[in-house]
């Protein structure tokens, strides 16, 4: 009985220690770009337009949106008709196209209609904001959209 208790305590200890161990691959923290103040939002309109046009050329894409903020690229597309049956391959194709244009950015692609509408609304807020004076919540909304794309 004493050996059984020792074995149980030892296995519990091992489970606890191994659960707190570092993950196999280190987490990559986005590094601020040169000249970027922490918390500041940097939007790249030239790259945004380039990504949007590149994505629009893909087969099955009816409409596309893109937004490049800091080190993230969010792409949302509307897919038409029978091409909706191959959403996964369309997303993979678009991810590859965008990554080839901007390999140093984290790329997120979605075909979700709700996220498309949210990104469209956010882009509208950015366009309507006075130059150099973006609303504070823009970055938070963008991060929520990115999370929704990944989740």
N, C-alpha and C. Protein backbone atom coordinates (compact mmCIF):
# COMPACT_ATOMS: atom_id res chain seq x y z
N UNK A 1 0.82 -1.19 0.00
CA UNK A 1 0.00 0.00 0.00
C UNK A 1 0.87 1.26 0.00
N UNK A 2 1.99 1.22 0.75
CA UNK A 2 2.90 2.35 0.83
C UNK A 2 3.51 2.64 -0.55
N UNK A 3 3.82 1.60 -1.32
CA UNK A 3 4.39 1.77 -2.65
C UNK A 3 3.37 2.40 -3.60
N UNK A 4 2.13 2.04 -3.42
CA UNK A 4 1.07 2.59 -4.27
C UNK A 4 0.92 4.09 -4.03
N UNK A 5 0.99 4.53 -2.80
CA UNK A 5 0.89 5.95 -2.47
C UNK A 5 2.07 6.70 -3.05
N UNK A 6 3.30 6.15 -2.92
CA UNK A 6 4.49 6.78 -3.48
C UNK A 6 4.37 6.90 -5.00
N UNK A 7 3.88 5.86 -5.64
CA UNK A 7 3.73 5.88 -7.10
C UNK A 7 2.71 6.93 -7.52
N UNK A 8 1.63 7.06 -6.79
CA UNK A 8 0.60 8.04 -7.11
C UNK A 8 1.13 9.46 -6.94
N UNK A 9 1.85 9.70 -5.84
CA UNK A 9 2.43 11.02 -5.59
C UNK A 9 3.47 11.35 -6.66
N UNK A 10 4.30 10.38 -7.01
CA UNK A 10 5.33 10.59 -8.03
C UNK A 10 4.70 10.90 -9.40
N UNK A 11 3.66 10.14 -9.76
CA UNK A 11 3.02 10.39 -11.06
C UNK A 11 2.32 11.75 -11.07
N UNK A 12 1.71 12.14 -9.95
CA UNK A 12 1.08 13.45 -9.85
C UNK A 12 2.12 14.56 -9.98
N UNK A 13 3.25 14.38 -9.34
CA UNK A 13 4.34 15.35 -9.41
C UNK A 13 4.86 15.47 -10.84
N UNK A 14 5.04 14.34 -11.51
CA UNK A 14 5.53 14.36 -12.90
C UNK A 14 4.53 15.04 -13.82
N UNK A 15 3.26 14.77 -13.63
CA UNK A 15 2.24 15.42 -14.47
C UNK A 15 2.23 16.93 -14.26
N UNK A 16 2.37 17.35 -13.02
CA UNK A 16 2.39 18.78 -12.71
C UNK A 16 3.60 19.46 -13.33
N UNK A 17 4.76 18.85 -13.17
CA UNK A 17 6.00 19.43 -13.70
C UNK A 17 5.98 19.46 -15.22
N UNK A 18 5.55 18.39 -15.85
CA UNK A 18 5.55 18.36 -17.31
C UNK A 18 4.50 19.30 -17.89
N UNK A 19 3.43 19.56 -17.19
CA UNK A 19 2.41 20.50 -17.66
C UNK A 19 2.89 21.93 -17.62
N UNK A 20 3.85 22.23 -16.78
CA UNK A 20 4.38 23.59 -16.66
C UNK A 20 5.62 23.79 -17.51
N UNK A 21 6.05 22.77 -18.23
CA UNK A 21 7.26 22.88 -19.03
C UNK A 21 7.06 23.85 -20.18
N UNK A 22 8.15 24.36 -20.72
CA UNK A 22 8.10 25.28 -21.85
C UNK A 22 7.61 24.53 -23.08
N UNK A 23 6.86 25.18 -23.96
CA UNK A 23 6.43 24.52 -25.19
C UNK A 23 7.63 24.24 -26.09
N UNK A 24 7.44 23.27 -27.00
CA UNK A 24 8.54 22.88 -27.89
C UNK A 24 9.02 24.03 -28.76
N UNK A 25 8.10 24.81 -29.28
CA UNK A 25 8.50 25.92 -30.15
C UNK A 25 8.25 27.24 -29.42
N UNK A 26 9.22 28.12 -29.45
CA UNK A 26 9.05 29.39 -28.74
C UNK A 26 7.98 30.25 -29.42
N UNK A 27 7.24 30.99 -28.62
CA UNK A 27 6.23 31.90 -29.15
C UNK A 27 6.95 33.11 -29.76
N UNK A 28 6.49 33.51 -30.94
CA UNK A 28 7.09 34.66 -31.59
C UNK A 28 6.30 35.90 -31.22
N UNK A 29 6.97 36.87 -30.62
CA UNK A 29 6.33 38.13 -30.30
C UNK A 29 6.56 39.09 -31.45
N UNK A 30 5.51 39.76 -31.91
CA UNK A 30 5.72 40.74 -32.96
C UNK A 30 6.60 41.86 -32.44
N UNK A 31 7.64 42.15 -33.17
CA UNK A 31 8.55 43.21 -32.80
C UNK A 31 8.09 44.51 -33.44
N UNK A 32 8.13 45.60 -32.69
CA UNK A 32 7.75 46.87 -33.30
C UNK A 32 8.70 47.20 -34.45
N UNK A 33 8.12 47.72 -35.54
CA UNK A 33 8.94 48.10 -36.67
C UNK A 33 9.72 49.35 -36.31
N UNK A 34 10.78 49.63 -37.06
CA UNK A 34 11.59 50.80 -36.80
C UNK A 34 10.72 52.04 -36.83
N UNK A 35 10.90 52.89 -35.85
CA UNK A 35 10.16 54.13 -35.80
C UNK A 35 8.73 53.97 -35.29
N UNK A 36 8.34 52.76 -34.94
CA UNK A 36 6.98 52.53 -34.48
C UNK A 36 6.95 52.60 -32.96
N UNK A 37 6.10 53.44 -32.45
CA UNK A 37 5.93 53.56 -31.02
C UNK A 37 4.97 52.47 -30.58
N UNK A 38 5.24 51.84 -29.44
CA UNK A 38 4.38 50.78 -28.96
C UNK A 38 2.96 51.30 -28.78
N UNK A 39 1.99 50.55 -29.31
CA UNK A 39 0.59 50.95 -29.21
C UNK A 39 0.13 51.80 -30.39
N UNK A 40 1.07 52.30 -31.18
CA UNK A 40 0.72 53.13 -32.33
C UNK A 40 0.26 52.23 -33.49
N UNK A 41 -0.68 52.73 -34.26
CA UNK A 41 -1.20 51.98 -35.39
C UNK A 41 -0.53 52.48 -36.66
N UNK A 42 0.04 51.55 -37.42
CA UNK A 42 0.62 51.90 -38.71
C UNK A 42 -0.12 51.13 -39.79
N UNK A 43 -0.69 51.86 -40.72
CA UNK A 43 -1.42 51.26 -41.82
C UNK A 43 -0.62 51.50 -43.09
N UNK A 44 -0.50 50.45 -43.91
CA UNK A 44 0.25 50.55 -45.16
C UNK A 44 -0.74 50.52 -46.33
N UNK A 45 -1.18 51.69 -46.81
CA UNK A 45 -2.21 51.71 -47.85
C UNK A 45 -1.73 51.16 -49.20
N UNK A 46 -0.45 51.34 -49.53
CA UNK A 46 0.06 50.82 -50.79
C UNK A 46 0.03 49.30 -50.82
N UNK A 47 0.52 48.69 -49.75
CA UNK A 47 0.51 47.23 -49.68
C UNK A 47 -0.92 46.71 -49.58
N UNK A 48 -1.78 47.44 -48.89
CA UNK A 48 -3.19 47.05 -48.80
C UNK A 48 -3.81 46.97 -50.19
N UNK A 49 -3.59 47.98 -51.00
CA UNK A 49 -4.14 47.99 -52.37
C UNK A 49 -3.55 46.87 -53.21
N UNK A 50 -2.25 46.65 -53.07
CA UNK A 50 -1.57 45.59 -53.84
C UNK A 50 -2.15 44.21 -53.47
N UNK A 51 -2.32 43.96 -52.19
CA UNK A 51 -2.87 42.68 -51.73
C UNK A 51 -4.30 42.51 -52.22
N UNK A 52 -5.09 43.56 -52.10
CA UNK A 52 -6.50 43.51 -52.51
C UNK A 52 -6.61 43.17 -54.00
N UNK A 53 -5.81 43.79 -54.83
CA UNK A 53 -5.85 43.52 -56.27
C UNK A 53 -5.36 42.11 -56.59
N UNK A 54 -4.33 41.65 -55.92
CA UNK A 54 -3.80 40.31 -56.16
C UNK A 54 -4.84 39.25 -55.79
N UNK A 55 -5.51 39.46 -54.68
CA UNK A 55 -6.51 38.50 -54.21
C UNK A 55 -7.71 38.47 -55.14
N UNK A 56 -8.08 39.63 -55.66
CA UNK A 56 -9.25 39.73 -56.53
C UNK A 56 -9.09 38.90 -57.81
N UNK A 57 -7.85 38.62 -58.23
CA UNK A 57 -7.62 37.87 -59.47
C UNK A 57 -7.83 36.37 -59.31
N UNK A 58 -7.98 35.89 -58.10
CA UNK A 58 -8.14 34.45 -57.88
C UNK A 58 -9.50 33.98 -58.38
N UNK A 59 -9.53 32.77 -58.90
CA UNK A 59 -10.77 32.19 -59.42
C UNK A 59 -11.79 32.01 -58.30
N UNK A 60 -13.00 32.46 -58.54
CA UNK A 60 -14.07 32.29 -57.57
C UNK A 60 -14.25 33.47 -56.64
N UNK A 61 -13.28 34.38 -56.60
CA UNK A 61 -13.39 35.53 -55.71
C UNK A 61 -14.25 36.60 -56.37
N UNK A 62 -15.35 36.91 -55.71
CA UNK A 62 -16.30 37.89 -56.22
C UNK A 62 -15.93 39.30 -55.77
N UNK A 63 -15.52 39.42 -54.51
CA UNK A 63 -15.18 40.71 -53.93
C UNK A 63 -14.10 40.48 -52.87
N UNK A 64 -13.20 41.46 -52.73
CA UNK A 64 -12.13 41.29 -51.74
C UNK A 64 -11.90 42.56 -50.95
N UNK A 65 -11.46 42.36 -49.72
CA UNK A 65 -11.06 43.44 -48.82
C UNK A 65 -9.70 43.06 -48.24
N UNK A 66 -8.90 44.07 -47.97
CA UNK A 66 -7.62 43.82 -47.31
C UNK A 66 -7.29 45.01 -46.43
N UNK A 67 -6.58 44.73 -45.35
CA UNK A 67 -6.10 45.78 -44.47
C UNK A 67 -4.76 45.35 -43.90
N UNK A 68 -3.75 46.20 -44.07
CA UNK A 68 -2.42 45.94 -43.54
C UNK A 68 -2.22 46.89 -42.38
N UNK A 69 -2.11 46.31 -41.18
CA UNK A 69 -1.91 47.12 -39.98
C UNK A 69 -0.75 46.52 -39.18
N UNK A 70 0.24 47.37 -38.92
CA UNK A 70 1.46 46.96 -38.22
C UNK A 70 2.08 45.76 -38.95
N UNK A 71 2.15 44.59 -38.34
CA UNK A 71 2.79 43.43 -39.00
C UNK A 71 1.76 42.36 -39.38
N UNK A 72 0.49 42.76 -39.53
CA UNK A 72 -0.59 41.82 -39.83
C UNK A 72 -1.28 42.22 -41.13
N UNK A 73 -1.67 41.21 -41.90
CA UNK A 73 -2.48 41.44 -43.09
C UNK A 73 -3.77 40.64 -42.94
N UNK A 74 -4.89 41.34 -43.00
CA UNK A 74 -6.20 40.70 -42.94
C UNK A 74 -6.83 40.76 -44.33
N UNK A 75 -7.24 39.61 -44.82
CA UNK A 75 -7.88 39.52 -46.13
C UNK A 75 -9.22 38.82 -45.95
N UNK A 76 -10.27 39.45 -46.49
CA UNK A 76 -11.60 38.85 -46.47
C UNK A 76 -12.13 38.84 -47.90
N UNK A 77 -12.70 37.72 -48.30
CA UNK A 77 -13.21 37.60 -49.67
C UNK A 77 -14.63 37.04 -49.66
N UNK A 78 -15.37 37.42 -50.69
CA UNK A 78 -16.68 36.81 -50.95
C UNK A 78 -16.46 35.86 -52.12
N UNK A 79 -16.91 34.63 -51.93
CA UNK A 79 -16.74 33.59 -52.95
C UNK A 79 -18.11 33.30 -53.55
N UNK A 80 -18.13 33.15 -54.87
CA UNK A 80 -19.39 33.01 -55.59
C UNK A 80 -19.73 31.57 -55.92
N UNK A 81 -21.02 31.30 -56.00
CA UNK A 81 -21.58 30.06 -56.54
C UNK A 81 -20.94 28.76 -56.07
N UNK A 82 -20.66 27.89 -57.05
CA UNK A 82 -20.12 26.57 -56.74
C UNK A 82 -18.71 26.62 -56.19
N UNK A 83 -18.03 27.74 -56.35
CA UNK A 83 -16.69 27.86 -55.79
C UNK A 83 -16.71 27.83 -54.26
N UNK A 84 -17.90 28.04 -53.68
CA UNK A 84 -18.01 27.94 -52.21
C UNK A 84 -17.74 26.52 -51.72
N UNK A 85 -17.81 25.56 -52.63
CA UNK A 85 -17.52 24.17 -52.26
C UNK A 85 -16.03 23.94 -52.03
N UNK A 86 -15.21 24.84 -52.49
CA UNK A 86 -13.76 24.69 -52.33
C UNK A 86 -13.14 25.85 -51.54
N UNK A 87 -13.84 26.27 -50.49
CA UNK A 87 -13.38 27.39 -49.68
C UNK A 87 -11.98 27.17 -49.10
N UNK A 88 -11.72 25.96 -48.61
CA UNK A 88 -10.44 25.69 -47.98
C UNK A 88 -9.29 25.88 -48.98
N UNK A 89 -9.44 25.36 -50.19
CA UNK A 89 -8.36 25.50 -51.18
C UNK A 89 -8.23 26.95 -51.64
N UNK A 90 -9.33 27.67 -51.70
CA UNK A 90 -9.26 29.09 -52.08
C UNK A 90 -8.50 29.87 -51.02
N UNK A 91 -8.81 29.61 -49.74
CA UNK A 91 -8.10 30.30 -48.65
C UNK A 91 -6.62 29.98 -48.68
N UNK A 92 -6.26 28.73 -48.93
CA UNK A 92 -4.84 28.34 -49.00
C UNK A 92 -4.15 29.04 -50.16
N UNK A 93 -4.82 29.09 -51.31
CA UNK A 93 -4.26 29.75 -52.48
C UNK A 93 -4.02 31.24 -52.21
N UNK A 94 -5.01 31.88 -51.62
CA UNK A 94 -4.90 33.31 -51.32
C UNK A 94 -3.81 33.57 -50.30
N UNK A 95 -3.74 32.72 -49.30
CA UNK A 95 -2.69 32.87 -48.28
C UNK A 95 -1.31 32.81 -48.94
N UNK A 96 -1.12 31.86 -49.85
CA UNK A 96 0.16 31.73 -50.54
C UNK A 96 0.47 32.94 -51.40
N UNK A 97 -0.53 33.47 -52.11
CA UNK A 97 -0.32 34.65 -52.95
C UNK A 97 0.10 35.85 -52.11
N UNK A 98 -0.61 36.07 -51.01
CA UNK A 98 -0.32 37.23 -50.16
C UNK A 98 1.04 37.07 -49.48
N UNK A 99 1.33 35.86 -49.03
CA UNK A 99 2.61 35.61 -48.36
C UNK A 99 3.78 35.84 -49.33
N UNK A 100 3.58 35.55 -50.62
CA UNK A 100 4.65 35.77 -51.60
C UNK A 100 4.88 37.27 -51.84
N UNK A 101 3.84 38.08 -51.67
CA UNK A 101 3.98 39.53 -51.82
C UNK A 101 4.67 40.13 -50.61
N UNK A 102 4.30 39.66 -49.42
CA UNK A 102 4.79 40.25 -48.17
C UNK A 102 5.15 39.15 -47.18
N UNK A 103 6.31 38.49 -47.37
CA UNK A 103 6.67 37.36 -46.51
C UNK A 103 6.93 37.73 -45.05
N UNK A 104 7.21 38.99 -44.76
CA UNK A 104 7.53 39.39 -43.38
C UNK A 104 6.29 39.68 -42.55
N UNK A 105 5.11 39.60 -43.15
CA UNK A 105 3.86 39.88 -42.45
C UNK A 105 3.16 38.57 -42.07
N UNK A 106 2.35 38.63 -41.01
CA UNK A 106 1.46 37.53 -40.65
C UNK A 106 0.18 37.71 -41.48
N UNK A 107 -0.19 36.67 -42.22
CA UNK A 107 -1.32 36.76 -43.13
C UNK A 107 -2.50 35.97 -42.57
N UNK A 108 -3.68 36.59 -42.63
CA UNK A 108 -4.91 35.96 -42.18
C UNK A 108 -5.95 36.12 -43.27
N UNK A 109 -6.56 35.00 -43.69
CA UNK A 109 -7.54 35.01 -44.78
C UNK A 109 -8.84 34.38 -44.30
N UNK A 110 -9.95 35.00 -44.68
CA UNK A 110 -11.25 34.45 -44.31
C UNK A 110 -12.23 34.56 -45.48
N UNK A 111 -13.19 33.64 -45.48
CA UNK A 111 -14.30 33.69 -46.42
C UNK A 111 -15.61 33.87 -45.66
N UNK A 112 -15.53 34.13 -44.38
CA UNK A 112 -16.70 34.30 -43.52
C UNK A 112 -17.38 35.64 -43.83
N UNK A 113 -18.67 35.60 -44.07
CA UNK A 113 -19.42 36.80 -44.47
C UNK A 113 -19.51 37.82 -43.33
N UNK A 114 -19.65 37.34 -42.10
CA UNK A 114 -19.74 38.24 -40.95
C UNK A 114 -18.42 38.99 -40.75
N UNK A 115 -17.31 38.27 -40.84
CA UNK A 115 -16.01 38.90 -40.67
C UNK A 115 -15.74 39.86 -41.84
N UNK A 116 -16.19 39.50 -43.04
CA UNK A 116 -16.07 40.39 -44.20
C UNK A 116 -16.74 41.73 -43.88
N UNK A 117 -17.97 41.67 -43.33
CA UNK A 117 -18.72 42.89 -43.00
C UNK A 117 -18.01 43.69 -41.90
N UNK A 118 -17.46 43.00 -40.90
CA UNK A 118 -16.75 43.69 -39.81
C UNK A 118 -15.51 44.40 -40.35
N UNK A 119 -14.76 43.72 -41.21
CA UNK A 119 -13.55 44.33 -41.79
C UNK A 119 -13.93 45.51 -42.68
N UNK A 120 -15.01 45.38 -43.43
CA UNK A 120 -15.49 46.46 -44.29
C UNK A 120 -15.85 47.69 -43.44
N UNK A 121 -16.50 47.46 -42.32
CA UNK A 121 -16.88 48.55 -41.42
C UNK A 121 -15.63 49.22 -40.84
N UNK A 122 -14.65 48.42 -40.44
CA UNK A 122 -13.41 48.97 -39.87
C UNK A 122 -12.66 49.80 -40.91
N UNK A 123 -12.60 49.33 -42.14
CA UNK A 123 -11.94 50.08 -43.21
C UNK A 123 -12.66 51.41 -43.44
N UNK A 124 -13.98 51.39 -43.37
CA UNK A 124 -14.76 52.62 -43.49
C UNK A 124 -14.44 53.61 -42.38
N UNK A 125 -14.30 53.12 -41.15
CA UNK A 125 -13.94 53.99 -40.03
C UNK A 125 -12.58 54.62 -40.25
N UNK A 126 -11.65 53.83 -40.76
CA UNK A 126 -10.29 54.33 -41.00
C UNK A 126 -10.31 55.39 -42.09
N UNK A 127 -11.06 55.16 -43.17
CA UNK A 127 -11.13 56.13 -44.27
C UNK A 127 -11.79 57.43 -43.84
N UNK A 128 -12.78 57.34 -42.95
CA UNK A 128 -13.52 58.52 -42.50
C UNK A 128 -12.82 59.28 -41.38
N UNK A 129 -11.78 58.71 -40.80
CA UNK A 129 -11.06 59.36 -39.71
C UNK A 129 -10.18 60.48 -40.26
N UNK A 130 -9.99 61.53 -39.49
CA UNK A 130 -9.09 62.60 -39.92
C UNK A 130 -7.67 62.04 -40.09
N UNK A 131 -6.92 62.53 -41.08
CA UNK A 131 -5.56 62.03 -41.32
C UNK A 131 -4.70 62.13 -40.06
N UNK A 132 -4.03 61.01 -39.75
CA UNK A 132 -3.14 60.97 -38.59
C UNK A 132 -3.85 60.91 -37.25
N UNK A 133 -5.16 60.75 -37.25
CA UNK A 133 -5.91 60.75 -36.00
C UNK A 133 -6.92 59.60 -36.00
N UNK A 134 -6.40 58.38 -35.98
CA UNK A 134 -7.27 57.21 -35.98
C UNK A 134 -7.90 57.02 -34.60
N UNK A 135 -9.15 56.55 -34.56
CA UNK A 135 -9.75 56.25 -33.26
C UNK A 135 -8.93 55.18 -32.53
N UNK A 136 -8.88 55.29 -31.22
CA UNK A 136 -8.09 54.37 -30.40
C UNK A 136 -8.59 52.93 -30.55
N UNK A 137 -9.87 52.76 -30.72
CA UNK A 137 -10.44 51.42 -30.76
C UNK A 137 -10.15 50.68 -32.06
N UNK A 138 -9.59 51.35 -33.07
CA UNK A 138 -9.32 50.71 -34.36
C UNK A 138 -8.40 49.50 -34.19
N UNK A 139 -7.34 49.66 -33.44
CA UNK A 139 -6.39 48.57 -33.23
C UNK A 139 -7.07 47.40 -32.50
N UNK A 140 -7.87 47.71 -31.51
CA UNK A 140 -8.58 46.66 -30.76
C UNK A 140 -9.55 45.92 -31.66
N UNK A 141 -10.30 46.65 -32.49
CA UNK A 141 -11.24 46.02 -33.40
C UNK A 141 -10.51 45.14 -34.41
N UNK A 142 -9.37 45.63 -34.90
CA UNK A 142 -8.58 44.85 -35.85
C UNK A 142 -8.10 43.56 -35.20
N UNK A 143 -7.62 43.64 -33.97
CA UNK A 143 -7.16 42.44 -33.26
C UNK A 143 -8.29 41.44 -33.03
N UNK A 144 -9.49 41.92 -32.77
CA UNK A 144 -10.65 41.03 -32.59
C UNK A 144 -10.96 40.32 -33.91
N UNK A 145 -10.90 41.07 -35.01
CA UNK A 145 -11.15 40.46 -36.32
C UNK A 145 -10.11 39.39 -36.61
N UNK A 146 -8.84 39.66 -36.31
CA UNK A 146 -7.77 38.68 -36.53
C UNK A 146 -8.03 37.43 -35.69
N UNK A 147 -8.42 37.61 -34.43
CA UNK A 147 -8.74 36.47 -33.57
C UNK A 147 -9.89 35.65 -34.14
N UNK A 148 -10.91 36.33 -34.64
CA UNK A 148 -12.06 35.64 -35.23
C UNK A 148 -11.63 34.85 -36.47
N UNK A 149 -10.71 35.39 -37.24
CA UNK A 149 -10.23 34.68 -38.44
C UNK A 149 -9.49 33.41 -38.05
N UNK A 150 -8.77 33.46 -36.95
CA UNK A 150 -7.98 32.31 -36.52
C UNK A 150 -8.79 31.31 -35.72
N UNK A 151 -9.89 31.76 -35.14
CA UNK A 151 -10.65 30.92 -34.22
C UNK A 151 -11.72 30.16 -34.90
